Amino acid sequence: MLISAYDIFHKQIPSPTKLKCTPELTLLDSGGYEAGVDEDLSSVVVKKHRPKAWSPKNLKAVLDQWPERFAAVFVSYDHPSRRVSLSVQIREAKELFERYPKQMHSILLKPEGTTQRHVGGVLAKVIARPKMLTGFDIIGVTEKELGDSLLDRMERIAELRLALDQDGNTAPIQVFGALDPLSSCLYFVSGAEIFDGLTWLRYAYLDGLCVYRANYGAMAIGLNLRDLLVEAKTMADNVNYLRRMELSMRRVALDNKIGHFSHHVELIRRGFDDLRARLEGRI
């Protein structure tokens, strides 16, 4: 599961030992999403939100209390009002993670200035010198900051993956905020491997699409089921859909055949061909 250190610190959710489940692995997000007012691409409306204080000291307080027996991925500190150079991002992340050698570590790459909307400049520096990311278990980027179109985002993921592969760095790329039946598959064939997001809670997955939950209830469950039961059934069905999608991705990874996807096969194939054209056949 993925939870936020911000929510633990501000007691929006219980402490790790009091959570109602202990998954095989917990991604402990750095709090940047909750510390700001911006939404991810799947949001329908921006809700009113007054962020509370969030600092590196607050993050360390949560990480210091995290039980070593609970396997976790710690994500580097993020705050929407703080933007620093790539070199500082890497240095601060390594200094933070040195304190926690028994957990995995993910660096979340961010734009270097508050006026920059995307991580294109940061990724260009990484691609030129991929060794700077040596030592991190996961390389993270947010979907929204990758670019203004699906193909732009796919291209930046692919460029990063190619550079890491050339350097012998097998750390997977995680796309924060991307977890739906189509874009996740497009990012996967571009080189990303880990996805998270809120679409499985906000929508219903039906035949490769995200649909309005009430419509899913009418089409796939029944007209007479109460809304709360439709909501619960939809989330359970979404989890099963994601498990099937994961198996499809694994099959594609084994033999490079896009036909293993259950939906949008031709669209994904065209997207991959467009990506190859952008990259002049380098994949």
Foldseek 3Di string as FASTA:
>chain_A
DEDELLCPLVVVDDQPVPDPDQDQEYEYDQCQVQQDQDDFPPDPDGDDHDHDDDDPVSSLVNVVPHDLVRAYEYEQHDHLQDAADPVVQLVRQVVSCVVPVSYAYEYEQDDRDNVQQACPVVLVVCLVPVCSPPPHQEYEYEQRRQDDDLLSNLLSLLSSQVSCVVVVHPRAYEYEADDALPSVLLNLLSGHDHYDHCLLQQFAADQSDGHHLLVCCVPPPHDPDDPVVSNVVRSVVSVVVSVQQNVLSVVCVVPVQLVSRRHPSVVSVVSSVVSCVVVVNPD
